[in-house]
N, C-alpha and C. Protein backbone atom coordinates (compact mmCIF):
# COMPACT_ATOMS: atom_id res chain seq x y z
N UNK A 1 55.89 -123.56 27.79
CA UNK A 1 56.29 -122.70 26.70
C UNK A 1 56.85 -123.57 25.58
N UNK A 2 56.53 -123.23 24.34
CA UNK A 2 57.03 -123.95 23.18
C UNK A 2 57.95 -123.04 22.38
N UNK A 3 58.88 -123.65 21.69
CA UNK A 3 59.79 -122.91 20.83
C UNK A 3 59.49 -123.26 19.39
N UNK A 4 59.42 -122.24 18.56
CA UNK A 4 59.20 -122.45 17.15
C UNK A 4 60.55 -122.71 16.50
N UNK A 5 60.70 -123.85 15.88
CA UNK A 5 61.96 -124.20 15.23
C UNK A 5 61.63 -124.81 13.88
N UNK A 6 62.02 -124.11 12.83
CA UNK A 6 61.76 -124.61 11.49
C UNK A 6 63.05 -124.63 10.70
N UNK A 7 63.18 -125.52 9.75
CA UNK A 7 64.36 -125.49 8.90
C UNK A 7 64.27 -124.28 7.99
N UNK A 8 65.37 -123.63 7.73
CA UNK A 8 65.36 -122.46 6.86
C UNK A 8 66.19 -122.73 5.62
N UNK A 9 65.62 -123.43 4.67
CA UNK A 9 66.32 -123.61 3.41
C UNK A 9 66.34 -122.29 2.67
N UNK A 10 66.82 -122.30 1.48
CA UNK A 10 66.87 -121.11 0.64
C UNK A 10 65.49 -120.49 0.58
N UNK A 11 65.38 -119.24 0.96
CA UNK A 11 64.09 -118.59 0.93
C UNK A 11 63.85 -117.94 -0.41
N UNK A 12 62.70 -118.12 -0.93
CA UNK A 12 62.31 -117.50 -2.18
C UNK A 12 60.95 -116.85 -1.95
N UNK A 13 60.85 -115.55 -2.14
CA UNK A 13 59.60 -114.86 -1.84
C UNK A 13 58.45 -115.22 -2.77
N UNK A 14 58.74 -115.87 -3.88
CA UNK A 14 57.70 -116.16 -4.85
C UNK A 14 57.17 -117.58 -4.78
N UNK A 15 57.73 -118.36 -3.91
CA UNK A 15 57.30 -119.76 -3.82
C UNK A 15 57.34 -120.14 -2.35
N UNK A 16 56.21 -120.57 -1.83
CA UNK A 16 56.11 -120.83 -0.40
C UNK A 16 56.28 -122.31 -0.10
N UNK A 17 57.44 -122.65 0.48
CA UNK A 17 57.72 -124.03 0.86
C UNK A 17 56.78 -124.48 1.98
N UNK A 18 56.44 -123.57 2.85
CA UNK A 18 55.62 -123.90 4.01
C UNK A 18 54.17 -123.57 3.73
N UNK A 19 53.51 -124.42 3.02
CA UNK A 19 52.11 -124.16 2.72
C UNK A 19 51.26 -124.48 3.94
N UNK A 20 50.15 -123.79 4.06
CA UNK A 20 49.28 -123.96 5.20
C UNK A 20 48.25 -125.03 4.90
N UNK A 21 48.49 -126.22 5.42
CA UNK A 21 47.55 -127.33 5.21
C UNK A 21 46.68 -127.57 6.44
N UNK A 22 47.03 -126.86 7.51
CA UNK A 22 46.29 -127.04 8.75
C UNK A 22 44.97 -126.30 8.73
N UNK A 23 44.06 -126.76 9.57
CA UNK A 23 42.74 -126.15 9.63
C UNK A 23 42.47 -125.47 10.97
N UNK A 24 43.23 -125.79 11.98
CA UNK A 24 42.96 -125.27 13.31
C UNK A 24 43.50 -123.85 13.47
N UNK A 25 43.06 -123.19 14.55
CA UNK A 25 43.57 -121.86 14.87
C UNK A 25 45.07 -121.92 15.15
N UNK A 26 45.53 -122.97 15.82
CA UNK A 26 46.95 -123.12 16.10
C UNK A 26 47.76 -123.26 14.81
N UNK A 27 47.25 -124.01 13.87
CA UNK A 27 47.94 -124.17 12.59
C UNK A 27 48.04 -122.83 11.86
N UNK A 28 46.98 -122.06 11.89
CA UNK A 28 47.00 -120.74 11.24
C UNK A 28 47.97 -119.79 11.95
N UNK A 29 48.02 -119.83 13.27
CA UNK A 29 48.97 -119.01 14.03
C UNK A 29 50.40 -119.39 13.68
N UNK A 30 50.68 -120.67 13.64
CA UNK A 30 52.00 -121.15 13.29
C UNK A 30 52.38 -120.74 11.87
N UNK A 31 51.45 -120.84 10.96
CA UNK A 31 51.70 -120.43 9.57
C UNK A 31 52.06 -118.95 9.50
N UNK A 32 51.35 -118.10 10.24
CA UNK A 32 51.65 -116.66 10.24
C UNK A 32 53.03 -116.39 10.83
N UNK A 33 53.41 -117.15 11.87
CA UNK A 33 54.73 -116.97 12.47
C UNK A 33 55.83 -117.37 11.48
N UNK A 34 55.61 -118.45 10.77
CA UNK A 34 56.59 -118.88 9.77
C UNK A 34 56.70 -117.85 8.66
N UNK A 35 55.58 -117.32 8.22
CA UNK A 35 55.59 -116.30 7.16
C UNK A 35 56.36 -115.06 7.62
N UNK A 36 56.21 -114.68 8.89
CA UNK A 36 56.94 -113.53 9.42
C UNK A 36 58.45 -113.79 9.46
N UNK A 37 58.82 -115.01 9.83
CA UNK A 37 60.24 -115.38 9.85
C UNK A 37 60.80 -115.35 8.43
N UNK A 38 60.06 -115.89 7.49
CA UNK A 38 60.49 -115.88 6.09
C UNK A 38 60.68 -114.45 5.60
N UNK A 39 59.76 -113.56 5.95
CA UNK A 39 59.86 -112.18 5.52
C UNK A 39 61.11 -111.52 6.10
N UNK A 40 61.38 -111.74 7.38
CA UNK A 40 62.59 -111.20 8.01
C UNK A 40 63.84 -111.76 7.35
N UNK A 41 63.82 -113.04 7.06
CA UNK A 41 64.95 -113.70 6.41
C UNK A 41 65.23 -113.04 5.06
N UNK A 42 64.20 -112.78 4.32
CA UNK A 42 64.36 -112.18 2.99
C UNK A 42 64.91 -110.76 3.06
N UNK A 43 64.62 -110.04 4.12
CA UNK A 43 65.08 -108.67 4.28
C UNK A 43 66.54 -108.60 4.71
N UNK A 44 67.08 -109.71 5.18
CA UNK A 44 68.46 -109.75 5.65
C UNK A 44 69.42 -109.44 4.52
N UNK A 45 70.32 -108.49 4.75
CA UNK A 45 71.33 -108.16 3.74
C UNK A 45 72.27 -109.33 3.54
N UNK A 46 72.67 -109.97 4.61
CA UNK A 46 73.61 -111.09 4.52
C UNK A 46 72.97 -112.31 3.87
N UNK A 47 71.78 -112.68 4.28
CA UNK A 47 71.15 -113.90 3.81
C UNK A 47 70.24 -113.68 2.60
N UNK A 48 69.57 -112.55 2.57
CA UNK A 48 68.55 -112.34 1.55
C UNK A 48 69.06 -111.83 0.22
N UNK A 49 70.21 -111.13 0.20
CA UNK A 49 70.68 -110.52 -1.04
C UNK A 49 71.02 -111.55 -2.12
N UNK A 50 71.78 -112.58 -1.75
CA UNK A 50 72.12 -113.63 -2.72
C UNK A 50 70.84 -114.30 -3.23
N UNK A 51 69.94 -114.59 -2.34
CA UNK A 51 68.69 -115.24 -2.70
C UNK A 51 67.87 -114.39 -3.66
N UNK A 52 67.81 -113.11 -3.38
CA UNK A 52 67.02 -112.21 -4.22
C UNK A 52 67.61 -112.11 -5.62
N UNK A 53 68.93 -112.09 -5.73
CA UNK A 53 69.58 -111.99 -7.05
C UNK A 53 69.29 -113.23 -7.89
N UNK A 54 69.40 -114.40 -7.29
CA UNK A 54 69.16 -115.63 -8.02
C UNK A 54 67.70 -115.73 -8.44
N UNK A 55 66.81 -115.38 -7.53
CA UNK A 55 65.38 -115.42 -7.83
C UNK A 55 65.04 -114.45 -8.94
N UNK A 56 65.64 -113.26 -8.90
CA UNK A 56 65.39 -112.27 -9.94
C UNK A 56 65.89 -112.76 -11.29
N UNK A 57 67.06 -113.38 -11.31
CA UNK A 57 67.60 -113.94 -12.56
C UNK A 57 66.66 -115.00 -13.11
N UNK A 58 66.14 -115.83 -12.24
CA UNK A 58 65.21 -116.88 -12.66
C UNK A 58 63.92 -116.27 -13.21
N UNK A 59 63.41 -115.26 -12.55
CA UNK A 59 62.19 -114.61 -13.02
C UNK A 59 62.42 -113.92 -14.37
N UNK A 60 63.59 -113.29 -14.55
CA UNK A 60 63.91 -112.64 -15.82
C UNK A 60 63.94 -113.66 -16.96
N UNK A 61 64.58 -114.79 -16.71
CA UNK A 61 64.65 -115.84 -17.73
C UNK A 61 63.25 -116.36 -18.05
N UNK A 62 62.43 -116.51 -17.02
CA UNK A 62 61.06 -116.98 -17.23
C UNK A 62 60.31 -116.04 -18.18
N UNK A 63 60.46 -114.74 -17.96
CA UNK A 63 59.77 -113.75 -18.80
C UNK A 63 60.33 -113.73 -20.22
N UNK A 64 61.66 -113.80 -20.35
CA UNK A 64 62.30 -113.71 -21.66
C UNK A 64 62.07 -114.95 -22.53
N UNK A 65 61.89 -116.09 -21.90
CA UNK A 65 61.85 -117.35 -22.64
C UNK A 65 60.49 -118.03 -22.58
N UNK A 66 59.45 -117.25 -22.41
CA UNK A 66 58.11 -117.81 -22.28
C UNK A 66 57.46 -118.15 -23.61
N UNK A 67 58.08 -117.77 -24.71
CA UNK A 67 57.47 -118.01 -26.01
C UNK A 67 58.33 -118.98 -26.84
N UNK A 68 57.70 -119.70 -27.77
CA UNK A 68 58.46 -120.63 -28.61
C UNK A 68 59.52 -119.88 -29.43
N UNK A 69 60.61 -120.57 -29.71
CA UNK A 69 61.70 -120.03 -30.54
C UNK A 69 62.35 -118.79 -29.91
N UNK A 70 62.44 -118.75 -28.59
CA UNK A 70 63.02 -117.60 -27.90
C UNK A 70 64.49 -117.38 -28.25
N UNK A 71 65.17 -118.41 -28.74
CA UNK A 71 66.58 -118.26 -29.08
C UNK A 71 66.83 -118.08 -30.58
N UNK A 72 65.77 -118.12 -31.38
CA UNK A 72 65.92 -118.00 -32.82
C UNK A 72 66.33 -119.29 -33.50
N UNK A 73 66.45 -120.38 -32.73
CA UNK A 73 66.85 -121.68 -33.26
C UNK A 73 65.83 -122.77 -32.95
N UNK A 74 64.61 -122.38 -32.68
CA UNK A 74 63.55 -123.36 -32.46
C UNK A 74 63.40 -123.86 -31.03
N UNK A 75 63.96 -123.16 -30.05
CA UNK A 75 63.88 -123.60 -28.65
C UNK A 75 62.43 -123.59 -28.17
N UNK A 76 62.15 -124.54 -27.28
CA UNK A 76 60.82 -124.61 -26.67
C UNK A 76 60.68 -123.51 -25.62
N UNK A 77 59.45 -123.06 -25.37
CA UNK A 77 59.26 -122.08 -24.30
C UNK A 77 59.61 -122.71 -22.95
N UNK A 78 59.90 -121.88 -22.00
CA UNK A 78 60.25 -122.37 -20.67
C UNK A 78 59.13 -123.24 -20.12
N UNK A 79 59.50 -124.34 -19.52
CA UNK A 79 58.55 -125.27 -18.92
C UNK A 79 58.15 -124.71 -17.55
N UNK A 80 56.88 -124.38 -17.38
CA UNK A 80 56.42 -123.77 -16.12
C UNK A 80 56.67 -124.67 -14.93
N UNK A 81 56.48 -125.96 -15.10
CA UNK A 81 56.72 -126.88 -13.97
C UNK A 81 58.21 -126.92 -13.62
N UNK A 82 59.06 -126.85 -14.62
CA UNK A 82 60.51 -126.78 -14.37
C UNK A 82 60.84 -125.51 -13.60
N UNK A 83 60.18 -124.43 -13.94
CA UNK A 83 60.37 -123.15 -13.24
C UNK A 83 59.99 -123.30 -11.77
N UNK A 84 58.83 -123.89 -11.49
CA UNK A 84 58.40 -124.07 -10.11
C UNK A 84 59.31 -125.02 -9.35
N UNK A 85 59.76 -126.08 -10.01
CA UNK A 85 60.70 -127.00 -9.38
C UNK A 85 62.03 -126.30 -9.09
N UNK A 86 62.43 -125.38 -9.97
CA UNK A 86 63.66 -124.62 -9.75
C UNK A 86 63.55 -123.72 -8.53
N UNK A 87 62.40 -123.09 -8.38
CA UNK A 87 62.17 -122.27 -7.18
C UNK A 87 62.25 -123.13 -5.92
N UNK A 88 61.65 -124.29 -6.00
CA UNK A 88 61.68 -125.21 -4.85
C UNK A 88 63.11 -125.68 -4.58
N UNK A 89 63.86 -125.99 -5.63
CA UNK A 89 65.26 -126.40 -5.48
C UNK A 89 66.06 -125.32 -4.76
N UNK A 90 65.87 -124.08 -5.16
CA UNK A 90 66.62 -122.98 -4.54
C UNK A 90 66.29 -122.82 -3.06
N UNK A 91 65.06 -123.14 -2.68
CA UNK A 91 64.69 -123.06 -1.27
C UNK A 91 65.48 -124.05 -0.43
N UNK A 92 65.81 -125.17 -1.00
CA UNK A 92 66.52 -126.22 -0.27
C UNK A 92 68.04 -126.05 -0.32
N UNK A 93 68.52 -125.18 -1.17
CA UNK A 93 69.96 -124.99 -1.32
C UNK A 93 70.52 -124.29 -0.09
N UNK A 94 71.49 -124.90 0.60
CA UNK A 94 72.04 -124.27 1.80
C UNK A 94 72.69 -122.91 1.49
N UNK A 95 72.57 -121.99 2.41
CA UNK A 95 73.14 -120.65 2.22
C UNK A 95 74.67 -120.68 2.17
N UNK A 96 75.28 -121.73 2.65
CA UNK A 96 76.74 -121.84 2.62
C UNK A 96 77.28 -122.12 1.23
N UNK A 97 76.41 -122.49 0.31
CA UNK A 97 76.82 -122.79 -1.06
C UNK A 97 76.66 -121.52 -1.91
N UNK A 98 77.71 -121.17 -2.66
CA UNK A 98 77.58 -119.99 -3.54
C UNK A 98 76.43 -120.16 -4.52
N UNK A 99 75.83 -119.06 -4.89
CA UNK A 99 74.71 -119.10 -5.82
C UNK A 99 75.14 -119.52 -7.21
N UNK A 100 74.25 -120.21 -7.91
CA UNK A 100 74.57 -120.67 -9.27
C UNK A 100 74.25 -119.60 -10.32
N UNK A 101 74.77 -119.82 -11.51
CA UNK A 101 74.32 -119.08 -12.68
C UNK A 101 73.04 -119.76 -13.13
N UNK A 102 72.09 -118.98 -13.60
CA UNK A 102 70.80 -119.51 -14.02
C UNK A 102 70.70 -119.41 -15.54
N UNK A 103 70.36 -120.51 -16.19
CA UNK A 103 70.17 -120.51 -17.63
C UNK A 103 68.95 -121.36 -17.98
N UNK A 104 68.55 -121.27 -19.22
CA UNK A 104 67.48 -122.14 -19.72
C UNK A 104 68.05 -122.95 -20.88
N UNK A 105 67.59 -124.16 -21.00
CA UNK A 105 68.05 -125.03 -22.06
C UNK A 105 67.03 -125.03 -23.20
N UNK A 106 67.45 -125.39 -24.40
CA UNK A 106 66.53 -125.37 -25.55
C UNK A 106 65.28 -126.22 -25.39
N UNK A 107 65.32 -127.22 -24.49
CA UNK A 107 64.13 -128.04 -24.27
C UNK A 107 63.16 -127.41 -23.27
N UNK A 108 63.48 -126.22 -22.76
CA UNK A 108 62.59 -125.49 -21.86
C UNK A 108 62.87 -125.72 -20.39
N UNK A 109 63.85 -126.57 -20.06
CA UNK A 109 64.18 -126.82 -18.66
C UNK A 109 65.14 -125.75 -18.13
N UNK A 110 65.09 -125.53 -16.83
CA UNK A 110 65.98 -124.59 -16.16
C UNK A 110 67.27 -125.31 -15.81
N UNK A 111 68.39 -124.62 -15.93
CA UNK A 111 69.68 -125.19 -15.54
C UNK A 111 70.39 -124.24 -14.59
N UNK A 112 71.06 -124.82 -13.61
CA UNK A 112 71.91 -124.07 -12.68
C UNK A 112 73.34 -124.55 -12.88
N UNK A 113 74.27 -123.61 -12.86
CA UNK A 113 75.68 -123.98 -13.04
C UNK A 113 76.54 -123.29 -12.00
N UNK A 114 77.44 -124.09 -11.42
CA UNK A 114 78.45 -123.58 -10.51
C UNK A 114 79.79 -123.72 -11.22
N UNK A 115 80.54 -122.64 -11.27
CA UNK A 115 81.79 -122.61 -12.04
C UNK A 115 82.90 -122.04 -11.17
N UNK A 116 84.00 -122.76 -11.11
CA UNK A 116 85.19 -122.28 -10.41
C UNK A 116 86.28 -121.96 -11.42
N UNK A 117 86.57 -122.91 -12.29
CA UNK A 117 87.44 -122.70 -13.44
C UNK A 117 87.06 -123.74 -14.50
N UNK A 118 87.78 -123.76 -15.61
CA UNK A 118 87.36 -124.63 -16.72
C UNK A 118 87.41 -126.12 -16.37
N UNK A 119 88.08 -126.51 -15.30
CA UNK A 119 88.14 -127.92 -14.89
C UNK A 119 87.38 -128.16 -13.59
N UNK A 120 86.61 -127.17 -13.13
CA UNK A 120 85.80 -127.32 -11.93
C UNK A 120 84.45 -126.66 -12.18
N UNK A 121 83.53 -127.47 -12.67
CA UNK A 121 82.21 -126.96 -13.03
C UNK A 121 81.16 -128.05 -12.78
N UNK A 122 79.97 -127.62 -12.37
CA UNK A 122 78.88 -128.55 -12.11
C UNK A 122 77.58 -127.92 -12.59
N UNK A 123 76.77 -128.69 -13.30
CA UNK A 123 75.53 -128.19 -13.87
C UNK A 123 74.39 -129.15 -13.56
N UNK A 124 73.23 -128.57 -13.27
CA UNK A 124 72.02 -129.34 -13.00
C UNK A 124 70.91 -128.83 -13.90
N UNK A 125 70.22 -129.73 -14.55
CA UNK A 125 69.04 -129.41 -15.33
C UNK A 125 67.84 -129.91 -14.54
N UNK A 126 66.88 -129.04 -14.31
CA UNK A 126 65.74 -129.38 -13.46
C UNK A 126 64.51 -129.62 -14.32
N UNK A 127 64.05 -130.84 -14.30
CA UNK A 127 62.88 -131.23 -15.07
C UNK A 127 61.58 -130.93 -14.33
N UNK A 128 60.49 -131.01 -15.05
CA UNK A 128 59.19 -130.69 -14.49
C UNK A 128 58.68 -131.75 -13.53
N UNK A 129 59.26 -132.94 -13.56
CA UNK A 129 58.78 -134.04 -12.74
C UNK A 129 59.67 -134.30 -11.52
N UNK A 130 60.51 -133.32 -11.15
CA UNK A 130 61.40 -133.50 -10.01
C UNK A 130 62.67 -134.24 -10.34
N UNK A 131 62.93 -134.39 -11.62
CA UNK A 131 64.14 -135.09 -12.05
C UNK A 131 65.29 -134.09 -12.19
N UNK A 132 66.41 -134.38 -11.55
CA UNK A 132 67.60 -133.56 -11.63
C UNK A 132 68.64 -134.31 -12.46
N UNK A 133 68.96 -133.78 -13.63
CA UNK A 133 69.99 -134.37 -14.47
C UNK A 133 71.23 -133.52 -14.27
N UNK A 134 72.35 -134.17 -13.97
CA UNK A 134 73.54 -133.39 -13.62
C UNK A 134 74.79 -133.90 -14.34
N UNK A 135 75.76 -133.00 -14.44
CA UNK A 135 77.07 -133.34 -14.99
C UNK A 135 78.08 -132.41 -14.35
N UNK A 136 79.24 -132.98 -14.03
CA UNK A 136 80.28 -132.18 -13.41
C UNK A 136 81.65 -132.60 -13.88
N UNK A 137 82.56 -131.64 -13.87
CA UNK A 137 83.96 -131.88 -14.17
C UNK A 137 84.76 -131.35 -12.99
N UNK A 138 85.56 -132.23 -12.40
CA UNK A 138 86.33 -131.90 -11.20
C UNK A 138 87.77 -132.31 -11.45
N UNK A 139 88.56 -131.43 -12.06
CA UNK A 139 89.90 -131.80 -12.47
C UNK A 139 89.78 -132.77 -13.63
N UNK A 140 90.32 -133.98 -13.45
CA UNK A 140 90.22 -135.00 -14.49
C UNK A 140 89.08 -135.98 -14.21
N UNK A 141 88.36 -135.77 -13.15
CA UNK A 141 87.24 -136.64 -12.79
C UNK A 141 85.93 -136.06 -13.31
N UNK A 142 85.01 -136.94 -13.67
CA UNK A 142 83.70 -136.56 -14.16
C UNK A 142 82.62 -137.22 -13.32
N UNK A 143 81.51 -136.56 -13.23
CA UNK A 143 80.34 -137.13 -12.57
C UNK A 143 79.12 -136.73 -13.39
N UNK A 144 78.21 -137.67 -13.54
CA UNK A 144 76.98 -137.37 -14.26
C UNK A 144 75.92 -138.40 -13.86
N UNK A 145 74.69 -138.00 -14.04
CA UNK A 145 73.61 -138.91 -13.71
C UNK A 145 72.29 -138.19 -13.54
N UNK A 146 71.37 -138.90 -12.94
CA UNK A 146 70.02 -138.39 -12.69
C UNK A 146 69.63 -138.75 -11.27
N UNK A 147 69.06 -137.79 -10.56
CA UNK A 147 68.55 -138.00 -9.21
C UNK A 147 67.12 -137.48 -9.15
N UNK A 148 66.33 -138.06 -8.28
CA UNK A 148 64.98 -137.57 -8.05
C UNK A 148 65.00 -136.57 -6.90
N UNK A 149 64.33 -135.45 -7.08
CA UNK A 149 64.24 -134.40 -6.07
C UNK A 149 62.88 -134.50 -5.40
N UNK A 150 62.89 -135.06 -4.19
CA UNK A 150 61.65 -135.22 -3.44
C UNK A 150 61.53 -134.17 -2.35
N UNK A 151 61.63 -134.62 -1.09
CA UNK A 151 61.48 -133.72 0.05
C UNK A 151 62.80 -133.13 0.53
N UNK A 152 63.90 -133.51 -0.10
CA UNK A 152 65.20 -132.94 0.25
C UNK A 152 66.12 -133.05 -0.95
N UNK A 153 67.19 -132.23 -0.92
CA UNK A 153 68.16 -132.31 -2.01
C UNK A 153 68.92 -133.62 -1.90
N UNK A 154 69.09 -134.31 -3.00
CA UNK A 154 69.88 -135.54 -2.96
C UNK A 154 71.31 -135.25 -2.51
N UNK A 155 71.83 -136.14 -1.69
CA UNK A 155 73.19 -136.00 -1.15
C UNK A 155 74.22 -135.88 -2.28
N UNK A 156 74.04 -136.64 -3.34
CA UNK A 156 74.96 -136.61 -4.48
C UNK A 156 75.05 -135.21 -5.08
N UNK A 157 73.93 -134.55 -5.18
CA UNK A 157 73.89 -133.20 -5.76
C UNK A 157 74.68 -132.23 -4.88
N UNK A 158 74.40 -132.24 -3.58
CA UNK A 158 75.11 -131.34 -2.67
C UNK A 158 76.62 -131.60 -2.66
N UNK A 159 76.99 -132.86 -2.64
CA UNK A 159 78.42 -133.21 -2.62
C UNK A 159 79.12 -132.72 -3.89
N UNK A 160 78.47 -132.86 -5.03
CA UNK A 160 79.08 -132.43 -6.27
C UNK A 160 79.17 -130.91 -6.39
N UNK A 161 78.18 -130.19 -5.88
CA UNK A 161 78.28 -128.72 -5.86
C UNK A 161 79.48 -128.32 -5.01
N UNK A 162 79.64 -128.94 -3.86
CA UNK A 162 80.76 -128.60 -2.97
C UNK A 162 82.10 -128.94 -3.61
N UNK A 163 82.16 -129.98 -4.43
CA UNK A 163 83.41 -130.36 -5.10
C UNK A 163 83.93 -129.26 -6.01
N UNK A 164 83.06 -128.45 -6.56
CA UNK A 164 83.48 -127.36 -7.44
C UNK A 164 84.40 -126.39 -6.71
N UNK A 165 84.19 -126.22 -5.42
CA UNK A 165 84.91 -125.21 -4.65
C UNK A 165 86.00 -125.76 -3.75
N UNK A 166 86.30 -127.04 -3.88
CA UNK A 166 87.36 -127.66 -3.05
C UNK A 166 88.72 -127.25 -3.53
């Protein structure tokens, strides 16, 4: 007997982290089982509600900012690749971390912000190429930089998000 064990990062119903690259019947069966687990996860009131709200906010921003000059000051339309990278980022965000505020920047990139008070804030701008540009204020300490988002969230990003709530 085998046990199905998969990591469950942030689930987003509009972007499938677990793509089916397999060709065999077993691969297809496994893919269907994972899809069923994802669907159950999304229906969970405890786990799925926060995820659904953030995803909905992201989708609303995508629709509102899809055209040039969406802010009346010459802003670029939302970058579609940044949008997809943002969905992927949310899938990897642990459920133990409070959900961010979702915004768009004038250059078309998506930004997430975690805010505790005026001296405890962290923001990430997600580029189309997997580049995460971040800045944080933690009391009198500051953190800023750029990390590459590959197959997992960079440790620096997770640590700084957690610092907001310490």
